[in-house]
Amino acid sequence: MSIRDERKLQSRQALLAAALRLSTSGRSFSSISLREVAREVGLVPTAFYRHFEDMDELGKELVDQVSLNLKHVLHQLGQGYIHAQHHSTQDSIELFFKAVTQDPESWIFMIAERWGGSTTVREAILREITFLIDDLANDLKKIDSMQHIQYEHDLKVLSTILINMSFTWAMTWINLSRQFQNAELQLHQQQFITQAVTQVRLMFRGISNWERK
């Protein structure tokens, strides 16, 4: 890759990062202008068009990047369910929340823009969430306690519940760090981890007895 191509790639990534930063700071993606994003990275508006046709194109690529980050985290969570005998549910949940702490913007963006004002971004997120659900359903097929579930539809329903629950967990976890500090924050985080672990164990206990009527 030439120096020119490398700089172009860096500028493109800077625009994506700026859009993510602006859209997770109390603004919606649809309220952010092309000029704002360009100004955020020190580019003139006309330079934006060297990288993206418009904000819709930037939004779709941003969804793709954010989804890859979430896919990795959710896959790890699914693997934790599969290998529960060697890796406790609490360990899996703690690793999940650690990942949320390290990259809160990705979760905020997906959760907020899932129902946001940009039709293009909303549809892209819906598509990616469908992929996440399918991937998790495939992971769940490998769990010994799921072998009695004969219908793929049932696994997808379970996967949908877990994905939606993960989004709720992530946003609650992020909000805890906004509301509390230090020892009080640690206390509330530990209480929430215990709650999340209980939810998962109750769900899988019920699933182990699932029978389609």
C-alpha atoms as a PDB file:
ATOM      1  CA  MET A   1       0.000   0.000   0.000  1.00  0.00           C
ATOM      2  CA  SER A   2       1.363   3.419  -0.953  1.00  0.00           C
ATOM      3  CA  ILE A   3       1.690   6.266   1.547  1.00  0.00           C
ATOM      4  CA  ARG A   4      -1.125   8.062  -0.267  1.00  0.00           C
ATOM      5  CA  ASP A   5      -3.435   5.043  -0.009  1.00  0.00           C
ATOM      6  CA  GLU A   6      -2.543   4.611   3.655  1.00  0.00           C
ATOM      7  CA  ARG A   7      -3.379   8.248   4.407  1.00  0.00           C
ATOM      8  CA  LYS A   8      -6.664   7.925   2.526  1.00  0.00           C
ATOM      9  CA  LEU A   9      -7.533   4.851   4.582  1.00  0.00           C
ATOM     10  CA  GLN A  10      -6.647   6.702   7.779  1.00  0.00           C
ATOM     11  CA  SER A  11      -8.862   9.649   6.805  1.00  0.00           C
ATOM     12  CA  ARG A  12     -11.730   7.295   5.969  1.00  0.00           C
ATOM     13  CA  GLN A  13     -11.402   5.568   9.330  1.00  0.00           C
ATOM     14  CA  ALA A  14     -11.182   8.948  11.083  1.00  0.00           C
ATOM     15  CA  LEU A  15     -14.506   9.965   9.516  1.00  0.00           C
ATOM     16  CA  LEU A  16     -16.130   6.743  10.721  1.00  0.00           C
ATOM     17  CA  ALA A  17     -14.735   7.229  14.226  1.00  0.00           C
ATOM     18  CA  ALA A  18     -15.924  10.841  14.280  1.00  0.00           C
ATOM     19  CA  ALA A  19     -19.436   9.838  13.208  1.00  0.00           C
ATOM     20  CA  LEU A  20     -19.542   7.183  15.919  1.00  0.00           C
ATOM     21  CA  ARG A  21     -18.288   9.626  18.534  1.00  0.00           C
ATOM     22  CA  LEU A  22     -20.801  12.325  17.581  1.00  0.00           C
ATOM     23  CA  SER A  23     -23.742   9.917  17.382  1.00  0.00           C
ATOM     24  CA  THR A  24     -23.066   8.484  20.851  1.00  0.00           C
ATOM     25  CA  SER A  25     -22.662  11.787  22.662  1.00  0.00           C
ATOM     26  CA  GLY A  26     -26.349  12.522  23.081  1.00  0.00           C
ATOM     27  CA  ARG A  27     -27.064  13.020  19.377  1.00  0.00           C
ATOM     28  CA  SER A  28     -28.744  10.742  16.867  1.00  0.00           C
ATOM     29  CA  PHE A  29     -26.960   9.760  13.670  1.00  0.00           C
ATOM     30  CA  SER A  30     -29.704  11.367  11.568  1.00  0.00           C
ATOM     31  CA  SER A  31     -29.072  14.745  13.257  1.00  0.00           C
ATOM     32  CA  ILE A  32     -25.372  14.823  12.338  1.00  0.00           C
ATOM     33  CA  SER A  33     -24.387  16.639   9.179  1.00  0.00           C
ATOM     34  CA  LEU A  34     -21.677  15.812   6.704  1.00  0.00           C
ATOM     35  CA  ARG A  35     -20.014  19.129   7.523  1.00  0.00           C
ATOM     36  CA  GLU A  36     -19.871  18.295  11.238  1.00  0.00           C
ATOM     37  CA  VAL A  37     -18.204  14.966  10.630  1.00  0.00           C
ATOM     38  CA  ALA A  38     -15.647  16.496   8.254  1.00  0.00           C
ATOM     39  CA  ARG A  39     -14.919  19.357  10.661  1.00  0.00           C
ATOM     40  CA  GLU A  40     -14.453  16.890  13.524  1.00  0.00           C
ATOM     41  CA  VAL A  41     -11.421  15.371  11.753  1.00  0.00           C
ATOM     42  CA  GLY A  42     -10.091  18.611  10.287  1.00  0.00           C
ATOM     43  CA  LEU A  43     -11.259  18.063   6.716  1.00  0.00           C
ATOM     44  CA  VAL A  44     -13.162  20.397   4.424  1.00  0.00           C
ATOM     45  CA  PRO A  45     -16.622  19.116   3.425  1.00  0.00           C
ATOM     46  CA  THR A  46     -15.549  18.465  -0.167  1.00  0.00           C
ATOM     47  CA  ALA A  47     -12.879  16.044   1.135  1.00  0.00           C
ATOM     48  CA  PHE A  48     -15.668  13.913   2.613  1.00  0.00           C
ATOM     49  CA  TYR A  49     -16.763  12.905  -0.884  1.00  0.00           C
ATOM     50  CA  ARG A  50     -13.379  11.309  -1.576  1.00  0.00           C
ATOM     51  CA  HIS A  51     -14.382   8.641   0.933  1.00  0.00           C
ATOM     52  CA  PHE A  52     -18.182   8.406   0.987  1.00  0.00           C
ATOM     53  CA  GLU A  53     -20.954   9.316  -1.417  1.00  0.00           C
ATOM     54  CA  ASP A  54     -23.100  10.671   1.411  1.00  0.00           C
ATOM     55  CA  MET A  55     -23.939  10.153   5.096  1.00  0.00           C
ATOM     56  CA  ASP A  56     -26.069   7.126   4.265  1.00  0.00           C
ATOM     57  CA  GLU A  57     -23.065   5.318   2.806  1.00  0.00           C
ATOM     58  CA  LEU A  58     -20.959   6.265   5.831  1.00  0.00           C
ATOM     59  CA  GLY A  59     -23.749   5.056   8.105  1.00  0.00           C
ATOM     60  CA  LYS A  60     -23.933   1.655   6.432  1.00  0.00           C
ATOM     61  CA  GLU A  61     -20.181   1.134   6.736  1.00  0.00           C
ATOM     62  CA  LEU A  62     -20.276   2.262  10.352  1.00  0.00           C
ATOM     63  CA  VAL A  63     -22.953  -0.343  11.085  1.00  0.00           C
ATOM     64  CA  ASP A  64     -20.773  -2.997   9.433  1.00  0.00           C
ATOM     65  CA  GLN A  65     -17.761  -2.107  11.580  1.00  0.00           C
ATOM     66  CA  VAL A  66     -19.691  -1.880  14.830  1.00  0.00           C
ATOM     67  CA  SER A  67     -21.460  -5.173  14.107  1.00  0.00           C
ATOM     68  CA  LEU A  68     -18.134  -6.962  13.665  1.00  0.00           C
ATOM     69  CA  ASN A  69     -17.087  -5.788  17.139  1.00  0.00           C
ATOM     70  CA  LEU A  70     -20.368  -6.967  18.680  1.00  0.00           C
ATOM     71  CA  LYS A  71     -20.288 -10.248  16.779  1.00  0.00           C
ATOM     72  CA  HIS A  72     -16.933 -11.108  18.351  1.00  0.00           C
ATOM     73  CA  VAL A  73     -18.190 -10.339  21.873  1.00  0.00           C
ATOM     74  CA  LEU A  74     -21.467 -12.239  21.429  1.00  0.00           C
ATOM     75  CA  HIS A  75     -19.659 -15.205  19.905  1.00  0.00           C
ATOM     76  CA  GLN A  76     -17.461 -15.364  23.005  1.00  0.00           C
ATOM     77  CA  LEU A  77     -20.590 -15.243  25.152  1.00  0.00           C
ATOM     78  CA  GLY A  78     -22.102 -18.084  23.102  1.00  0.00           C
ATOM     79  CA  GLN A  79     -18.917 -20.096  23.486  1.00  0.00           C
ATOM     80  CA  GLY A  80     -19.197 -19.571  27.224  1.00  0.00           C
ATOM     81  CA  TYR A  81     -22.638 -21.190  27.167  1.00  0.00           C
ATOM     82  CA  ILE A  82     -21.312 -24.098  25.111  1.00  0.00           C
ATOM     83  CA  HIS A  83     -18.353 -24.792  27.368  1.00  0.00           C
ATOM     84  CA  ALA A  84     -20.140 -24.000  30.622  1.00  0.00           C
ATOM     85  CA  GLN A  85     -18.739 -27.079  32.303  1.00  0.00           C
ATOM     86  CA  HIS A  86     -15.224 -25.634  31.950  1.00  0.00           C
ATOM     87  CA  HIS A  87     -16.122 -21.965  32.027  1.00  0.00           C
ATOM     88  CA  SER A  88     -18.709 -20.779  34.537  1.00  0.00           C
ATOM     89  CA  THR A  89     -21.695 -18.656  33.552  1.00  0.00           C
ATOM     90  CA  GLN A  90     -20.392 -15.899  35.813  1.00  0.00           C
ATOM     91  CA  ASP A  91     -17.013 -15.908  34.032  1.00  0.00           C
ATOM     92  CA  SER A  92     -18.781 -15.524  30.683  1.00  0.00           C
ATOM     93  CA  ILE A  93     -20.965 -12.671  31.935  1.00  0.00           C
ATOM     94  CA  GLU A  94     -17.977 -10.881  33.493  1.00  0.00           C
ATOM     95  CA  LEU A  95     -16.025 -11.138  30.228  1.00  0.00           C
ATOM     96  CA  PHE A  96     -19.066  -9.758  28.402  1.00  0.00           C
ATOM     97  CA  PHE A  97     -19.279  -6.716  30.668  1.00  0.00           C
ATOM     98  CA  LYS A  98     -15.525  -6.175  30.403  1.00  0.00           C
ATOM     99  CA  ALA A  99     -15.917  -6.005  26.627  1.00  0.00           C
ATOM    100  CA  VAL A 100     -18.785  -3.516  26.977  1.00  0.00           C
ATOM    101  CA  THR A 101     -16.621  -1.343  29.242  1.00  0.00           C
ATOM    102  CA  GLN A 102     -13.808  -1.372  26.680  1.00  0.00           C
ATOM    103  CA  ASP A 103     -16.050  -0.350  23.772  1.00  0.00           C
ATOM    104  CA  PRO A 104     -19.232   1.318  25.022  1.00  0.00           C
ATOM    105  CA  GLU A 105     -19.716   3.426  21.883  1.00  0.00           C
ATOM    106  CA  SER A 106     -20.426   0.399  19.683  1.00  0.00           C
ATOM    107  CA  TRP A 107     -23.220  -0.756  21.998  1.00  0.00           C
ATOM    108  CA  ILE A 108     -24.680   2.736  22.421  1.00  0.00           C
ATOM    109  CA  PHE A 109     -24.743   3.227  18.652  1.00  0.00           C
ATOM    110  CA  MET A 110     -26.427  -0.092  17.864  1.00  0.00           C
ATOM    111  CA  ILE A 111     -28.982   0.237  20.651  1.00  0.00           C
ATOM    112  CA  ALA A 112     -29.897   3.884  19.969  1.00  0.00           C
ATOM    113  CA  GLU A 113     -29.894   3.715  16.181  1.00  0.00           C
ATOM    114  CA  ARG A 114     -31.812   0.433  16.086  1.00  0.00           C
ATOM    115  CA  TRP A 115     -34.897   2.600  16.466  1.00  0.00           C
ATOM    116  CA  GLY A 116     -33.295   5.829  15.206  1.00  0.00           C
ATOM    117  CA  GLY A 117     -34.337   8.369  12.603  1.00  0.00           C
ATOM    118  CA  SER A 118     -32.106   7.230   9.750  1.00  0.00           C
ATOM    119  CA  THR A 119     -33.976   4.646   7.695  1.00  0.00           C
ATOM    120  CA  THR A 120     -30.767   3.489   6.001  1.00  0.00           C
ATOM    121  CA  VAL A 121     -28.944   2.922   9.280  1.00  0.00           C
ATOM    122  CA  ARG A 122     -31.993   1.356  10.921  1.00  0.00           C
ATOM    123  CA  GLU A 123     -32.403  -1.164   8.102  1.00  0.00           C
ATOM    124  CA  ALA A 124     -28.671  -1.970   8.143  1.00  0.00           C
ATOM    125  CA  ILE A 125     -28.810  -2.616  11.882  1.00  0.00           C
ATOM    126  CA  LEU A 126     -31.880  -4.835  11.493  1.00  0.00           C
ATOM    127  CA  ARG A 127     -29.994  -6.893   8.900  1.00  0.00           C
ATOM    128  CA  GLU A 128     -26.932  -7.223  11.134  1.00  0.00           C
ATOM    129  CA  ILE A 129     -29.004  -8.187  14.173  1.00  0.00           C
ATOM    130  CA  THR A 130     -30.587 -10.948  12.077  1.00  0.00           C
ATOM    131  CA  PHE A 131     -27.070 -12.208  11.285  1.00  0.00           C
ATOM    132  CA  LEU A 132     -26.133 -12.046  14.990  1.00  0.00           C
ATOM    133  CA  ILE A 133     -29.225 -14.069  15.887  1.00  0.00           C
ATOM    134  CA  ASP A 134     -28.428 -16.708  13.268  1.00  0.00           C
ATOM    135  CA  ASP A 135     -24.806 -16.961  14.426  1.00  0.00           C
ATOM    136  CA  LEU A 136     -25.801 -17.376  18.070  1.00  0.00           C
ATOM    137  CA  ALA A 137     -28.450 -19.958  17.140  1.00  0.00           C
ATOM    138  CA  ASN A 138     -25.720 -21.967  15.397  1.00  0.00           C
ATOM    139  CA  ASP A 139     -23.599 -21.771  18.558  1.00  0.00           C
ATOM    140  CA  LEU A 140     -26.520 -22.902  20.690  1.00  0.00           C
ATOM    141  CA  LYS A 141     -26.974 -26.010  18.506  1.00  0.00           C
ATOM    142  CA  LYS A 142     -23.662 -27.277  19.871  1.00  0.00           C
ATOM    143  CA  ILE A 143     -24.746 -27.222  23.512  1.00  0.00           C
ATOM    144  CA  ASP A 144     -25.485 -30.682  24.930  1.00  0.00           C
ATOM    145  CA  SER A 145     -28.525 -29.414  26.828  1.00  0.00           C
ATOM    146  CA  MET A 146     -30.030 -28.110  23.550  1.00  0.00           C
ATOM    147  CA  GLN A 147     -29.966 -31.410  21.652  1.00  0.00           C
ATOM    148  CA  HIS A 148     -33.596 -32.140  22.541  1.00  0.00           C
ATOM    149  CA  ILE A 149     -34.736 -28.993  20.710  1.00  0.00           C
ATOM    150  CA  GLN A 150     -35.706 -30.324  17.287  1.00  0.00           C
ATOM    151  CA  TYR A 151     -36.959 -27.172  15.609  1.00  0.00           C
ATOM    152  CA  GLU A 152     -34.514 -24.522  14.359  1.00  0.00           C
ATOM    153  CA  HIS A 153     -37.212 -21.905  14.861  1.00  0.00           C
ATOM    154  CA  ASP A 154     -37.160 -22.552  18.605  1.00  0.00           C
ATOM    155  CA  LEU A 155     -33.399 -22.025  18.725  1.00  0.00           C
ATOM    156  CA  LYS A 156     -33.779 -18.759  16.832  1.00  0.00           C
ATOM    157  CA  VAL A 157     -36.417 -17.608  19.314  1.00  0.00           C
ATOM    158  CA  LEU A 158     -34.004 -18.361  22.150  1.00  0.00           C
ATOM    159  CA  SER A 159     -31.170 -16.633  20.313  1.00  0.00           C
ATOM    160  CA  THR A 160     -33.358 -13.560  19.765  1.00  0.00           C
ATOM    161  CA  ILE A 161     -34.133 -13.416  23.484  1.00  0.00           C
ATOM    162  CA  LEU A 162     -30.430 -13.667  24.366  1.00  0.00           C
ATOM    163  CA  ILE A 163     -29.392 -10.998  21.840  1.00  0.00           C
ATOM    164  CA  ASN A 164     -32.060  -8.584  23.067  1.00  0.00           C
ATOM    165  CA  MET A 165     -31.099  -9.375  26.649  1.00  0.00           C
ATOM    166  CA  SER A 166     -27.448  -8.666  25.814  1.00  0.00           C
ATOM    167  CA  PHE A 167     -28.364  -5.223  24.479  1.00  0.00           C
ATOM    168  CA  THR A 168     -30.343  -4.514  27.651  1.00  0.00           C
ATOM    169  CA  TRP A 169     -27.453  -5.712  29.822  1.00  0.00           C
ATOM    170  CA  ALA A 170     -24.982  -3.564  27.890  1.00  0.00           C
ATOM    171  CA  MET A 171     -27.018  -0.376  28.185  1.00  0.00           C
ATOM    172  CA  THR A 172     -27.737  -0.954  31.874  1.00  0.00           C
ATOM    173  CA  TRP A 173     -24.028  -1.589  32.516  1.00  0.00           C
ATOM    174  CA  ILE A 174     -23.068   1.633  30.711  1.00  0.00           C
ATOM    175  CA  ASN A 175     -25.674   3.610  32.654  1.00  0.00           C
ATOM    176  CA  LEU A 176     -24.326   2.299  35.961  1.00  0.00           C
ATOM    177  CA  SER A 177     -20.967   3.948  35.254  1.00  0.00           C
ATOM    178  CA  ARG A 178     -22.800   7.206  34.571  1.00  0.00           C
ATOM    179  CA  GLN A 179     -24.773   7.077  37.813  1.00  0.00           C
ATOM    180  CA  PHE A 180     -22.240   5.810  40.351  1.00  0.00           C
ATOM    181  CA  GLN A 181     -18.546   5.989  41.170  1.00  0.00           C
ATOM    182  CA  ASN A 182     -15.848   4.061  43.002  1.00  0.00           C
ATOM    183  CA  ALA A 183     -17.047   1.644  45.707  1.00  0.00           C
ATOM    184  CA  GLU A 184     -20.717   2.378  45.061  1.00  0.00           C
ATOM    185  CA  LEU A 185     -20.248   1.631  41.364  1.00  0.00           C
ATOM    186  CA  GLN A 186     -18.480  -1.661  42.134  1.00  0.00           C
ATOM    187  CA  LEU A 187     -21.302  -2.676  44.451  1.00  0.00           C
ATOM    188  CA  HIS A 188     -23.998  -2.004  41.846  1.00  0.00           C
ATOM    189  CA  GLN A 189     -21.962  -3.700  39.126  1.00  0.00           C
ATOM    190  CA  GLN A 190     -21.528  -6.833  41.223  1.00  0.00           C
ATOM    191  CA  GLN A 191     -25.236  -6.873  42.009  1.00  0.00           C
ATOM    192  CA  PHE A 192     -26.033  -6.553  38.313  1.00  0.00           C
ATOM    193  CA  ILE A 193     -23.627  -9.353  37.388  1.00  0.00           C
ATOM    194  CA  THR A 194     -25.386 -11.587  39.921  1.00  0.00           C
ATOM    195  CA  GLN A 195     -28.750 -10.640  38.408  1.00  0.00           C
ATOM    196  CA  ALA A 196     -27.567 -11.371  34.849  1.00  0.00           C
ATOM    197  CA  VAL A 197     -26.118 -14.744  35.896  1.00  0.00           C
ATOM    198  CA  THR A 198     -29.405 -15.643  37.578  1.00  0.00           C
ATOM    199  CA  GLN A 199     -31.350 -14.699  34.451  1.00  0.00           C
ATOM    200  CA  VAL A 200     -29.187 -16.935  32.275  1.00  0.00           C
ATOM    201  CA  ARG A 201     -29.350 -19.876  34.677  1.00  0.00           C
ATOM    202  CA  LEU A 202     -33.123 -19.609  35.016  1.00  0.00           C
ATOM    203  CA  MET A 203     -33.496 -19.426  31.249  1.00  0.00           C
ATOM    204  CA  PHE A 204     -31.321 -22.439  30.568  1.00  0.00           C
ATOM    205  CA  ARG A 205     -32.993 -24.396  33.347  1.00  0.00           C
ATOM    206  CA  GLY A 206     -36.319 -23.787  31.635  1.00  0.00           C
ATOM    207  CA  ILE A 207     -34.890 -24.633  28.223  1.00  0.00           C
ATOM    208  CA  SER A 208     -33.640 -27.987  29.475  1.00  0.00           C
ATOM    209  CA  ASN A 209     -37.308 -28.900  30.078  1.00  0.00           C
ATOM    210  CA  TRP A 210     -38.626 -27.370  26.856  1.00  0.00           C
ATOM    211  CA  GLU A 211     -41.008 -29.479  24.826  1.00  0.00           C
ATOM    212  CA  ARG A 212     -43.009 -28.247  21.884  1.00  0.00           C
ATOM    213  CA  LYS A 213     -46.683 -29.082  22.380  1.00  0.00           C
END
